[in-house]
Amino acid sequence: MKEDLILGGSQTLVILLANFDYQAKTGYANLSHAKPSHQRLRTLLGNSGITGIALYHVIDIVDKPMDEAWKILRDALEKQAKKNYNKLLFYYIGHGSVRGRGELYLPSIDTLQHDLEREAIRYTHIADRLYELKHIKNKIVVLDCCRSGHGGTVKGGEENYQHYFEHHELKLTGSYFIGASSSSKPAGSGIDKGIQATEFTDAFINVLSEGTENDPLKIVYSDTFQKTITEKLPAFPPVFKNNISDSFQKGVNFPFYYNQKFKISFVRACIEDKRYHKAEDFLVPILAEEKYSITTDAKEAFLLLMKVLLDEKSWTEAADLLIRVIGAVGKNNSLVALTNHDYHHIIQQQANVYMVAEDYIQARELYNKLIVIDDFNDSYAYALLSIEESIEARDQGIDKPKIIKFQSTPKGVVSGAELVIEWKVENMRYLEIFQEPGGEALRFTKTAGKQKYVILESTKFKLVATNFHDKTSESNIYVRAFQPPLFKNRPVPIPVYRQKSQIDLPNLKQFQIDLRIKLPFKNPAVGYPATEISPLNNRTLYHLYERIKNKFRRY
């Protein structure tokens, strides 16, 4: 159907000539602020979902000196256009100047303003070559420059609807001319509005990419397009001329391009009516057509549909939508990457929920779809293997490991003392005991056993037993560690001897002693390392300090 449109089709050649970075010596204002619009326009015109034109059919001539630009343009018109093309779009962005009786010039970035005849591209030279392409049934010329109306009028700049193409008896039938301004007025540069484009090209891009509410049909016709873009440019009304004949009567309304607003609004309406399959069937082909440059409306419609499906817990339908979109746009598409970050893992989490709930059939269905979505993720293959083993184990009546005993002796100890962890487990392949905080996990293959531990603080011990089908059981115990009351009992100092010491006894302020304390527990006395103690911290220690100091005074 795209072949029926004036703009677009798989056999359409696009020539994009743009000049932004004008050199200071030329006398022309620099248009570098509008340079980002070039990539937007190039991507739009090469968007198969809107124009039906593949991106590789777009010829770029951007910021080239006059000689180089004309060489590329002439080659495109004289050689490339004579290949298997039946439509041609020529789009120019830059300055426009008029000399003589209305001769329109397209100055390059190095064209001197006072020497246009020698250093600028004459628009008539382009028109001459367009005339020679008689096998091309539709030719669209868009001039986004000052006084561009001269491109659609007779020589001399008269404002009428006779095509400039008809001058010299060229009579280019099937042509459509769009000028950003009349023959006597400038075009909006856009710099005063803070947009990164000229005003006309910005409006042109928005109308084509967003569609129009004025036309309820799938296709935007020329009169609707002209009315919509004119409303966006009240200060610089564009000029439109057409000589469309062939299957359309000359000068009448003709189908121009596909209406993006219609397609996306239909998808949104289906979502609101909960006709999700209908919305999906309509949306996926749109994404496939736009895969090299997906429009914002299409992206938002897809993300909305995904969110609604996940909110309604339609996990399988959401996964199926992802699979269809990946098949349509490819796994490397930015839209797929975005979806993986936002929604893909939600489906994976739900698959894990099914696993924990032992709903293996649902889990297997989701993991099979996840493998299609992301075949580089090895964890999905392992999950499927585990699911198959779990299903087999369930069918054979194999249960989880059974923890008979998992206990600590004693259940509370003094910090630094030993304790014993004891276990007994049935139907296991191995078990692991984790110590929190600190401590590495210890793995055992014996079904029963004991293990000694020394803890310095209250600790949680966790046992995880695993059988041959990777089913697990776990159990936890908590052991409290008590801190000994160092000063509850009267300390008995070990005898202190002078020997060879570096201590300056007359000026002694603090010292180290080794204490051995009798504790009110059943276990024997526990030795503690030498501890730095200040004599002013405790009355008992102060008296002990005085006794030791007096003992050394006789030396």
Protein backbone atom coordinates (compact mmCIF):
# COMPACT_ATOMS: atom_id res chain seq x y z
CA MET A 1 0.00 0.00 0.00
CA LYS A 2 2.89 2.37 0.61
CA GLU A 3 3.49 2.49 -3.15
CA ASP A 4 0.15 4.38 -3.45
CA LEU A 5 1.47 7.25 -1.33
CA ILE A 6 3.18 10.26 -2.86
CA LEU A 7 5.74 10.30 -0.01
CA GLY A 8 7.32 6.93 0.43
CA GLY A 9 7.61 3.43 -0.86
CA SER A 10 10.43 0.94 -1.15
CA GLN A 11 11.47 2.40 -4.54
CA THR A 12 11.91 5.95 -3.28
CA LEU A 13 15.24 7.79 -3.36
CA VAL A 14 15.82 10.58 -0.81
CA ILE A 15 18.46 13.26 -1.39
CA LEU A 16 19.12 15.41 1.67
CA LEU A 17 21.22 18.54 1.08
CA ALA A 18 21.89 20.56 4.25
CA ASN A 19 24.20 23.47 5.07
CA PHE A 20 24.64 24.59 8.69
CA ASP A 21 28.24 25.57 9.45
CA TYR A 22 28.62 28.56 7.15
CA GLN A 23 32.11 30.06 7.17
CA ALA A 24 32.43 33.60 8.52
CA LYS A 25 33.86 34.92 5.25
CA THR A 26 30.70 34.01 3.33
CA GLY A 27 28.58 36.73 4.90
CA TYR A 28 25.83 34.24 5.83
CA ALA A 29 24.65 33.63 9.39
CA ASN A 30 25.73 30.34 10.94
CA LEU A 31 22.92 27.78 11.35
CA SER A 32 24.84 25.32 13.53
CA HIS A 33 22.07 25.44 16.16
CA ALA A 34 19.84 23.56 13.68
CA LYS A 35 22.34 20.80 12.94
CA PRO A 36 20.72 18.23 15.28
CA SER A 37 17.61 18.38 13.10
CA HIS A 38 19.55 16.77 10.26
CA GLN A 39 19.81 13.43 12.06
CA ARG A 40 16.15 13.60 13.11
CA LEU A 41 15.07 14.29 9.53
CA ARG A 42 17.33 11.64 8.05
CA THR A 43 16.03 9.03 10.47
CA LEU A 44 12.43 10.06 9.85
CA LEU A 45 12.66 9.96 6.05
CA GLY A 46 14.38 6.57 6.29
CA ASN A 47 11.72 5.19 8.65
CA SER A 48 9.94 2.37 6.86
CA GLY A 49 7.03 2.58 9.31
CA ILE A 50 6.16 6.12 8.21
CA THR A 51 7.49 6.55 4.69
CA GLY A 52 8.18 2.97 3.65
CA ILE A 53 11.72 4.09 2.73
CA ALA A 54 14.72 2.15 3.97
CA LEU A 55 17.47 4.23 5.55
CA TYR A 56 20.04 3.11 2.98
CA HIS A 57 18.00 4.88 0.27
CA VAL A 58 18.79 8.25 1.91
CA ILE A 59 21.75 10.15 0.39
CA ASP A 60 23.32 12.66 2.78
CA ILE A 61 25.12 15.81 1.62
CA VAL A 62 25.81 17.81 4.76
CA ASP A 63 28.14 20.80 5.24
CA LYS A 64 30.14 20.18 2.06
CA PRO A 65 32.00 22.85 0.07
CA MET A 66 30.23 23.89 -3.11
CA ASP A 67 32.32 21.83 -5.55
CA GLU A 68 32.07 18.64 -3.49
CA ALA A 69 28.37 19.12 -2.72
CA TRP A 70 27.48 19.66 -6.40
CA LYS A 71 29.52 16.64 -7.47
CA ILE A 72 27.66 14.36 -5.04
CA LEU A 73 24.28 15.89 -5.87
CA ARG A 74 24.81 15.62 -9.62
CA ASP A 75 25.92 12.01 -9.25
CA ALA A 76 22.79 11.24 -7.22
CA LEU A 77 20.50 12.86 -9.81
CA GLU A 78 22.24 11.55 -12.91
CA LYS A 79 23.28 8.05 -11.80
CA GLN A 80 21.67 6.88 -8.55
CA ALA A 81 18.20 8.13 -9.47
CA LYS A 82 18.28 6.20 -12.75
CA LYS A 83 18.38 2.90 -10.92
CA ASN A 84 15.27 1.03 -9.81
CA TYR A 85 13.45 4.06 -8.34
CA ASN A 86 10.01 5.41 -9.23
CA LYS A 87 9.84 8.27 -6.67
CA LEU A 88 12.31 10.93 -5.55
CA LEU A 89 12.38 13.37 -2.65
CA PHE A 90 14.83 16.29 -2.66
CA TYR A 91 15.02 18.16 0.65
CA TYR A 92 17.20 21.25 1.17
CA ILE A 93 18.02 23.04 4.47
CA GLY A 94 20.14 26.19 4.48
CA HIS A 95 20.24 29.73 3.22
CA GLY A 96 18.54 30.81 0.01
CA SER A 97 19.39 33.85 -2.11
CA VAL A 98 17.80 35.39 -5.21
CA ARG A 99 19.56 37.23 -8.01
CA GLY A 100 18.45 38.75 -11.29
CA ARG A 101 14.80 38.30 -12.18
CA GLY A 102 14.18 35.63 -9.59
CA GLU A 103 17.01 33.13 -9.99
CA LEU A 104 17.14 31.06 -6.76
CA TYR A 105 20.58 30.01 -5.45
CA LEU A 106 21.40 27.49 -2.71
CA PRO A 107 24.69 28.72 -1.20
CA SER A 108 27.11 26.18 0.28
CA ILE A 109 29.10 26.66 3.48
CA ASP A 110 31.96 28.31 1.52
CA THR A 111 29.86 30.39 -0.90
CA LEU A 112 30.63 34.11 -0.84
CA GLN A 113 27.44 36.13 -0.74
CA HIS A 114 28.61 38.56 -3.45
CA ASP A 115 29.64 35.81 -5.86
CA LEU A 116 26.60 33.52 -6.02
CA GLU A 117 26.75 32.97 -9.78
CA ARG A 118 30.10 31.17 -9.49
CA GLU A 119 30.04 29.70 -5.99
CA ALA A 120 26.45 28.59 -5.31
CA ILE A 121 24.24 25.82 -6.68
CA ARG A 122 21.56 27.13 -9.02
CA TYR A 123 18.17 25.69 -8.36
CA THR A 124 17.46 25.57 -12.11
CA HIS A 125 20.29 23.06 -12.49
CA ILE A 126 18.50 20.76 -10.08
CA ALA A 127 15.17 21.25 -11.89
CA ASP A 128 16.79 20.43 -15.24
CA ARG A 129 18.03 17.09 -13.95
CA LEU A 130 14.74 16.28 -12.31
CA TYR A 131 13.07 16.75 -15.69
CA GLU A 132 15.40 14.22 -17.27
CA LEU A 133 14.24 11.54 -14.79
CA LYS A 134 11.09 10.80 -16.76
CA HIS A 135 10.80 7.25 -15.38
CA ILE A 136 10.22 8.69 -11.88
CA LYS A 137 6.48 9.31 -11.60
CA ASN A 138 6.50 11.39 -8.39
CA LYS A 139 9.05 14.06 -7.54
CA ILE A 140 8.81 15.95 -4.23
CA VAL A 141 10.91 19.07 -3.67
CA VAL A 142 11.13 20.61 -0.19
CA LEU A 143 13.11 23.84 0.17
CA ASP A 144 13.65 25.06 3.73
CA CYS A 145 15.33 28.38 3.00
CA CYS A 146 14.56 32.07 2.65
CA ARG A 147 12.56 33.07 -0.46
CA SER A 148 12.05 29.41 -1.28
CA GLY A 149 8.77 30.29 -2.99
CA HIS A 150 10.84 31.05 -6.10
CA GLY A 151 11.27 27.31 -6.48
CA GLY A 152 7.57 26.90 -7.16
CA THR A 153 6.87 29.90 -9.38
CA VAL A 154 7.68 31.07 -12.88
CA LYS A 155 10.83 33.01 -13.56
CA GLY A 156 10.59 36.48 -12.08
CA GLY A 157 9.16 35.44 -8.72
CA GLU A 158 5.47 36.00 -9.48
CA GLU A 159 3.22 34.49 -6.82
CA ASN A 160 0.96 32.07 -8.64
CA TYR A 161 0.36 28.35 -8.82
CA GLN A 162 2.16 27.70 -12.06
CA HIS A 163 5.14 25.44 -11.38
CA TYR A 164 8.62 26.61 -11.95
CA PHE A 165 9.07 23.11 -13.33
CA GLU A 166 6.78 24.10 -16.22
CA HIS A 167 9.08 26.94 -17.21
CA HIS A 168 11.19 26.06 -20.26
CA GLU A 169 8.37 23.59 -21.02
CA LEU A 170 9.73 21.09 -18.45
CA LYS A 171 6.19 20.13 -17.43
CA LEU A 172 7.16 17.71 -14.66
CA THR A 173 3.93 15.85 -13.97
CA GLY A 174 3.50 14.13 -10.63
CA SER A 175 5.50 16.80 -8.78
CA TYR A 176 4.84 18.32 -5.37
CA PHE A 177 6.64 21.46 -4.22
CA ILE A 178 6.86 22.67 -0.59
CA GLY A 179 8.62 25.91 0.27
CA ALA A 180 9.31 27.19 3.79
CA SER A 181 8.54 30.77 2.73
CA SER A 182 7.12 32.84 -0.06
CA SER A 183 9.34 34.26 -2.80
CA SER A 184 9.64 37.61 -1.02
CA LYS A 185 9.98 36.61 2.64
CA PRO A 186 12.55 34.89 4.85
CA ALA A 187 12.10 31.54 6.58
CA GLY A 188 12.20 31.09 10.35
CA SER A 189 15.68 30.11 11.54
CA GLY A 190 14.40 28.86 14.89
CA ILE A 191 17.32 30.34 16.82
CA ASP A 192 15.11 32.87 18.62
CA LYS A 193 12.77 30.07 19.77
CA GLY A 194 15.55 27.97 21.26
CA ILE A 195 14.84 24.92 19.09
CA GLN A 196 17.58 22.84 17.51
CA ALA A 197 16.15 23.15 14.04
CA THR A 198 14.82 25.67 11.59
CA GLU A 199 11.15 26.36 12.23
CA PHE A 200 9.88 24.69 9.07
CA THR A 201 11.93 21.50 9.41
CA ASP A 202 10.95 21.20 13.07
CA ALA A 203 7.27 21.42 12.10
CA PHE A 204 7.77 19.04 9.17
CA ILE A 205 9.38 16.41 11.42
CA ASN A 206 6.68 16.73 14.08
CA VAL A 207 3.78 16.46 11.65
CA LEU A 208 5.20 13.38 9.92
CA SER A 209 6.32 11.56 13.09
CA GLU A 210 3.32 12.36 15.28
CA GLY A 211 0.55 12.26 12.69
CA THR A 212 -2.48 14.49 12.84
CA GLU A 213 -5.76 14.49 14.74
CA ASN A 214 -7.47 16.34 11.88
CA ASP A 215 -7.60 13.28 9.66
CA PRO A 216 -9.29 10.16 11.11
CA LEU A 217 -8.03 8.01 8.26
CA LYS A 218 -4.94 5.84 8.17
CA ILE A 219 -3.48 8.07 5.47
CA VAL A 220 -2.84 11.81 5.77
CA TYR A 221 -3.91 13.59 2.60
CA SER A 222 -2.13 16.61 1.19
CA ASP A 223 -4.73 19.19 2.24
CA THR A 224 -4.67 17.95 5.86
CA PHE A 225 -0.87 17.98 5.87
CA GLN A 226 -0.76 21.52 4.46
CA LYS A 227 -3.35 22.79 6.93
CA THR A 228 -1.61 21.19 9.93
CA ILE A 229 1.89 22.41 9.14
CA THR A 230 0.60 25.90 8.29
CA GLU A 231 -1.09 26.13 11.69
CA LYS A 232 2.28 25.40 13.30
CA LEU A 233 3.96 28.23 11.37
CA PRO A 234 1.74 31.34 11.63
CA ALA A 235 4.66 33.78 11.29
CA PHE A 236 6.20 32.03 8.26
CA PRO A 237 3.40 30.38 6.22
CA PRO A 238 4.85 27.84 3.79
CA VAL A 239 4.07 27.56 0.08
CA PHE A 240 2.59 24.41 -1.52
CA LYS A 241 2.28 23.64 -5.25
CA ASN A 242 1.43 20.34 -6.89
CA ASN A 243 1.13 18.91 -10.36
CA ILE A 244 0.09 15.43 -9.29
CA SER A 245 -1.47 13.63 -12.20
CA ASP A 246 -1.16 9.97 -13.13
CA SER A 247 -3.93 8.29 -11.14
CA PHE A 248 -4.83 11.58 -9.39
CA GLN A 249 -6.46 14.55 -11.00
CA LYS A 250 -4.12 17.54 -11.28
CA GLY A 251 -4.18 19.92 -8.34
CA VAL A 252 -6.59 17.92 -6.18
CA ASN A 253 -6.16 16.35 -2.77
CA PHE A 254 -3.91 13.28 -2.83
CA PRO A 255 -2.69 10.66 -0.28
CA PHE A 256 0.60 11.86 1.18
CA TYR A 257 1.82 9.57 4.02
CA TYR A 258 0.62 7.17 6.73
CA ASN A 259 -1.00 8.79 9.77
CA GLN A 260 0.94 7.78 12.87
CA LYS A 261 -1.70 9.23 15.17
CA PHE A 262 -4.34 6.92 13.75
CA LYS A 263 -2.29 3.77 14.24
CA ILE A 264 -1.20 4.46 17.79
CA SER A 265 -4.59 5.82 18.88
CA PHE A 266 -6.17 2.57 17.69
CA VAL A 267 -3.69 0.56 19.78
CA ARG A 268 -4.43 2.66 22.86
CA ALA A 269 -8.18 2.26 22.31
CA CYS A 270 -7.76 -1.53 22.21
CA ILE A 271 -5.78 -1.43 25.47
CA GLU A 272 -8.48 0.65 27.17
CA ASP A 273 -11.12 -1.85 26.00
CA LYS A 274 -8.96 -4.73 27.33
CA ARG A 275 -8.61 -6.14 23.82
CA TYR A 276 -4.96 -6.88 24.42
CA HIS A 277 -4.50 -9.43 21.65
CA LYS A 278 -5.97 -7.00 19.12
CA ALA A 279 -3.69 -4.23 20.38
CA GLU A 280 -0.70 -6.56 20.11
CA ASP A 281 -1.61 -7.71 16.60
CA PHE A 282 -1.82 -4.09 15.46
CA LEU A 283 1.20 -2.77 17.38
CA VAL A 284 3.83 -5.38 16.49
CA PRO A 285 3.74 -4.65 12.72
CA ILE A 286 4.12 -0.94 13.51
CA LEU A 287 7.23 -1.66 15.58
CA ALA A 288 8.56 -3.90 12.81
CA GLU A 289 8.16 -1.11 10.28
CA GLU A 290 9.79 1.44 12.57
CA LYS A 291 12.53 -0.80 13.99
CA TYR A 292 15.37 1.45 12.82
CA SER A 293 13.77 4.50 14.44
CA ILE A 294 10.81 3.72 16.66
CA THR A 295 8.67 6.79 17.29
CA THR A 296 7.90 7.95 20.83
CA ASP A 297 4.18 7.21 20.44
CA ALA A 298 4.81 3.61 19.35
CA LYS A 299 7.33 3.06 22.17
CA GLU A 300 4.94 4.45 24.77
CA ALA A 301 2.09 2.29 23.45
CA PHE A 302 4.25 -0.84 23.73
CA LEU A 303 5.41 -0.01 27.26
CA LEU A 304 1.80 0.73 28.26
CA LEU A 305 0.64 -2.65 26.96
CA MET A 306 3.47 -4.42 28.79
CA LYS A 307 2.66 -2.63 32.05
CA VAL A 308 -1.04 -3.46 31.81
CA LEU A 309 -0.32 -7.14 31.17
CA LEU A 310 2.05 -7.34 34.13
CA ASP A 311 -0.31 -5.42 36.42
CA GLU A 312 -3.01 -7.94 35.59
CA LYS A 313 -0.53 -10.79 36.26
CA SER A 314 -0.79 -12.01 32.68
CA TRP A 315 2.78 -13.27 32.81
CA THR A 316 2.55 -15.62 29.85
CA GLU A 317 0.91 -12.98 27.63
CA ALA A 318 3.59 -10.44 28.59
CA ALA A 319 6.33 -12.92 27.72
CA ASP A 320 4.63 -13.73 24.41
CA LEU A 321 4.47 -9.99 23.58
CA LEU A 322 8.19 -9.64 24.29
CA ILE A 323 8.96 -12.61 22.04
CA ARG A 324 6.91 -11.15 19.18
CA VAL A 325 8.54 -7.73 19.55
CA ILE A 326 12.02 -9.26 19.57
CA GLY A 327 11.13 -11.15 16.41
CA ALA A 328 9.92 -7.91 14.84
CA VAL A 329 12.70 -5.49 15.78
CA GLY A 330 15.64 -7.76 16.73
CA LYS A 331 17.32 -8.45 20.06
CA ASN A 332 19.78 -5.58 19.69
CA ASN A 333 17.08 -2.93 19.36
CA SER A 334 17.14 -0.22 22.04
CA LEU A 335 13.46 -0.86 22.80
CA VAL A 336 14.26 -4.49 23.72
CA ALA A 337 17.14 -3.36 25.95
CA LEU A 338 14.82 -0.92 27.71
CA THR A 339 12.20 -3.63 28.22
CA ASN A 340 14.77 -6.07 29.60
CA HIS A 341 15.70 -3.58 32.28
CA ASP A 342 12.12 -2.69 33.23
CA TYR A 343 9.95 -5.76 32.64
CA HIS A 344 12.02 -8.77 31.68
CA HIS A 345 13.20 -9.38 35.25
CA ILE A 346 9.65 -9.11 36.57
CA ILE A 347 8.74 -12.16 34.48
CA GLN A 348 11.85 -13.95 35.74
CA GLN A 349 10.89 -13.21 39.35
CA GLN A 350 7.44 -14.65 38.75
CA ALA A 351 9.02 -17.80 37.32
CA ASN A 352 11.02 -18.10 40.55
CA VAL A 353 7.82 -17.64 42.54
CA TYR A 354 6.31 -20.59 40.69
CA MET A 355 9.45 -22.61 41.46
CA VAL A 356 9.24 -21.93 45.20
CA ALA A 357 5.54 -22.78 45.16
CA GLU A 358 6.43 -26.00 43.30
CA ASP A 359 4.16 -25.01 40.41
CA TYR A 360 6.67 -26.51 37.99
CA ILE A 361 4.41 -26.50 34.92
CA GLN A 362 3.90 -22.71 35.07
CA ALA A 363 7.57 -22.17 35.92
CA ARG A 364 8.69 -24.32 32.97
CA GLU A 365 6.42 -22.40 30.57
CA LEU A 366 7.84 -19.02 31.64
CA TYR A 367 11.46 -20.19 31.59
CA ASN A 368 11.01 -21.61 28.08
CA LYS A 369 9.82 -18.17 26.98
CA LEU A 370 12.63 -16.41 28.86
CA ILE A 371 15.19 -18.51 26.98
CA VAL A 372 13.73 -17.23 23.71
CA ILE A 373 13.86 -13.66 25.03
CA ASP A 374 17.45 -13.94 26.29
CA ASP A 375 19.26 -17.04 25.07
CA PHE A 376 22.59 -15.78 26.45
CA ASN A 377 21.45 -16.24 30.05
CA ASP A 378 22.69 -19.66 31.17
CA SER A 379 20.71 -19.48 34.41
CA TYR A 380 17.50 -20.15 32.47
CA ALA A 381 18.85 -23.44 31.13
CA TYR A 382 19.94 -24.48 34.63
CA ALA A 383 16.52 -23.51 35.98
CA LEU A 384 14.79 -25.65 33.35
CA LEU A 385 17.06 -28.60 34.20
CA SER A 386 16.21 -28.19 37.87
CA ILE A 387 12.50 -28.01 37.02
CA GLU A 388 12.66 -31.25 35.04
CA GLU A 389 14.49 -32.99 37.90
CA SER A 390 11.94 -31.66 40.39
CA ILE A 391 9.06 -32.92 38.26
CA GLU A 392 10.75 -36.31 37.98
CA ALA A 393 11.41 -36.40 41.72
CA ARG A 394 7.81 -35.49 42.46
CA ASP A 395 6.57 -38.20 40.13
CA GLN A 396 8.83 -40.70 41.91
CA GLY A 397 7.69 -39.57 45.35
CA ILE A 398 11.10 -38.22 46.37
CA ASP A 399 10.74 -35.67 49.16
CA LYS A 400 12.94 -32.90 50.50
CA PRO A 401 15.79 -33.65 52.93
CA LYS A 402 14.51 -34.23 56.47
CA ILE A 403 16.40 -32.51 59.29
CA ILE A 404 16.10 -34.75 62.38
CA LYS A 405 18.48 -32.87 64.67
CA PHE A 406 20.28 -29.55 64.57
CA GLN A 407 21.36 -28.23 67.95
CA SER A 408 24.11 -26.51 69.90
CA THR A 409 25.73 -27.74 73.14
CA PRO A 410 25.65 -25.66 75.26
CA LYS A 411 23.04 -23.20 74.04
CA GLY A 412 24.95 -20.29 75.54
CA VAL A 413 28.66 -19.89 76.21
CA VAL A 414 31.13 -17.34 77.47
CA SER A 415 32.73 -15.31 74.69
CA GLY A 416 35.78 -17.22 73.44
CA ALA A 417 34.63 -20.60 74.71
CA GLU A 418 33.96 -23.68 72.63
CA LEU A 419 30.61 -25.11 71.66
CA VAL A 420 29.55 -28.15 69.63
CA ILE A 421 27.05 -28.14 66.75
CA GLU A 422 25.39 -31.51 66.17
CA TRP A 423 23.18 -32.59 63.26
CA LYS A 424 21.33 -35.52 61.82
CA VAL A 425 19.68 -35.36 58.37
CA GLU A 426 17.92 -37.92 56.19
CA ASN A 427 17.57 -38.02 52.38
CA MET A 428 20.49 -35.69 51.67
CA ARG A 429 23.43 -35.51 49.30
CA TYR A 430 25.32 -32.87 51.27
CA LEU A 431 24.72 -30.16 53.82
CA GLU A 432 26.27 -26.78 54.53
CA ILE A 433 26.50 -24.96 57.85
CA PHE A 434 26.70 -21.19 57.68
CA GLN A 435 27.89 -19.03 60.59
CA GLU A 436 26.57 -15.47 60.83
CA PRO A 437 28.22 -13.11 61.36
CA GLY A 438 31.60 -14.16 60.02
CA GLY A 439 32.88 -17.61 59.30
CA GLU A 440 32.96 -19.56 56.06
CA ALA A 441 30.33 -22.11 55.14
CA LEU A 442 31.41 -25.69 55.93
CA ARG A 443 30.15 -28.52 53.71
CA PHE A 444 29.59 -32.06 55.00
CA THR A 445 28.45 -35.22 53.29
CA LYS A 446 27.82 -37.26 56.46
CA THR A 447 24.17 -37.56 57.42
CA ALA A 448 25.10 -37.18 61.11
CA GLY A 449 28.00 -35.52 62.85
CA LYS A 450 29.43 -32.90 65.20
CA GLN A 451 31.54 -29.80 64.66
CA LYS A 452 33.31 -27.60 67.23
CA TYR A 453 33.14 -23.80 67.02
CA VAL A 454 34.56 -20.93 69.06
CA ILE A 455 32.42 -17.79 69.07
CA LEU A 456 33.20 -14.32 70.39
CA GLU A 457 29.67 -12.94 70.04
CA SER A 458 26.11 -14.17 69.72
CA THR A 459 25.89 -16.16 66.50
CA LYS A 460 23.30 -17.61 64.16
CA PHE A 461 24.02 -21.05 62.65
CA LYS A 462 22.12 -22.08 59.52
CA LEU A 463 22.01 -25.60 58.11
CA VAL A 464 21.01 -26.09 54.45
CA ALA A 465 20.62 -29.69 53.31
CA THR A 466 20.37 -30.62 49.61
CA ASN A 467 19.31 -33.92 48.06
CA PHE A 468 20.18 -35.44 44.69
CA HIS A 469 17.34 -33.53 43.00
CA ASP A 470 18.52 -30.17 44.35
CA LYS A 471 15.63 -29.91 46.77
CA THR A 472 16.66 -28.17 49.94
CA SER A 473 15.63 -27.93 53.58
CA GLU A 474 17.04 -25.56 56.14
CA SER A 475 17.05 -24.92 59.87
CA ASN A 476 18.47 -22.18 62.12
CA ILE A 477 19.75 -22.06 65.71
CA TYR A 478 20.96 -19.10 67.76
CA VAL A 479 23.77 -19.33 70.31
CA ARG A 480 24.22 -16.52 72.80
CA ALA A 481 27.73 -15.45 73.86
CA PHE A 482 28.11 -13.94 77.35
CA GLN A 483 30.78 -11.39 78.30
CA PRO A 484 32.46 -12.31 81.64
CA PRO A 485 32.11 -9.84 84.57
CA LEU A 486 35.78 -8.86 84.81
CA PHE A 487 35.48 -6.85 88.01
CA LYS A 488 32.74 -8.66 89.84
CA ASN A 489 35.30 -10.71 91.80
CA ARG A 490 38.43 -9.35 93.46
CA PRO A 491 41.33 -9.80 91.00
CA VAL A 492 44.41 -11.60 92.23
CA PRO A 493 47.52 -10.17 90.56
CA ILE A 494 50.31 -12.44 89.46
CA PRO A 495 53.51 -11.55 91.34
CA VAL A 496 55.39 -8.75 89.70
CA TYR A 497 59.21 -8.91 89.55
CA ARG A 498 61.49 -6.12 88.53
CA GLN A 499 63.95 -7.98 86.29
CA LYS A 500 65.07 -5.82 83.36
CA SER A 501 62.31 -3.39 82.68
CA GLN A 502 61.96 -0.17 80.72
CA ILE A 503 59.19 1.04 83.07
CA ASP A 504 59.88 4.34 84.80
CA LEU A 505 58.28 3.43 88.13
CA PRO A 506 58.34 6.92 89.78
CA ASN A 507 56.41 8.35 86.81
CA LEU A 508 54.22 5.32 86.21
CA LYS A 509 50.76 6.37 85.00
CA GLN A 510 49.45 3.11 83.49
CA PHE A 511 50.71 -0.42 83.14
CA GLN A 512 49.78 -3.91 81.91
CA ILE A 513 48.95 -6.86 84.11
CA ASP A 514 47.87 -10.42 83.39
CA LEU A 515 44.68 -11.28 85.26
CA ARG A 516 43.41 -14.70 86.09
CA ILE A 517 39.82 -14.43 87.30
CA LYS A 518 37.72 -17.03 89.02
CA LEU A 519 34.38 -17.02 87.24
CA PRO A 520 31.05 -18.18 88.69
CA PHE A 521 30.58 -20.83 85.95
CA LYS A 522 31.13 -24.55 85.92
CA ASN A 523 33.90 -24.41 83.36
CA PRO A 524 37.42 -23.79 84.69
CA ALA A 525 38.99 -20.36 84.99
CA VAL A 526 39.58 -18.66 81.71
CA GLY A 527 42.83 -16.87 81.03
CA TYR A 528 42.62 -13.45 79.44
CA PRO A 529 45.41 -11.66 77.63
CA ALA A 530 47.24 -8.74 79.13
CA THR A 531 44.96 -5.73 79.17
CA GLU A 532 45.83 -2.05 79.40
CA ILE A 533 44.06 -0.68 82.46
CA SER A 534 44.00 2.86 83.85
CA PRO A 535 44.29 3.02 87.67
CA LEU A 536 41.68 5.77 87.79
CA ASN A 537 38.95 3.69 86.15
CA ASN A 538 38.11 1.44 89.08
CA ARG A 539 38.53 1.77 92.82
CA THR A 540 39.69 -1.81 93.23
CA LEU A 541 42.32 -1.46 90.56
CA TYR A 542 43.49 1.79 92.08
CA HIS A 543 44.28 0.06 95.40
CA LEU A 544 45.99 -2.73 93.47
CA TYR A 545 48.06 -0.14 91.61
CA GLU A 546 49.09 1.52 94.92
CA ARG A 547 50.22 -1.80 96.41
CA ILE A 548 52.33 -2.64 93.37
CA LYS A 549 53.87 0.82 93.28
CA ASN A 550 54.78 0.70 96.97
CA LYS A 551 56.39 -2.68 96.44
CA PHE A 552 58.78 -1.20 93.89
CA ARG A 553 59.76 1.84 95.93
CA ARG A 554 62.56 0.00 97.74
CA TYR A 555 64.44 -0.65 94.50
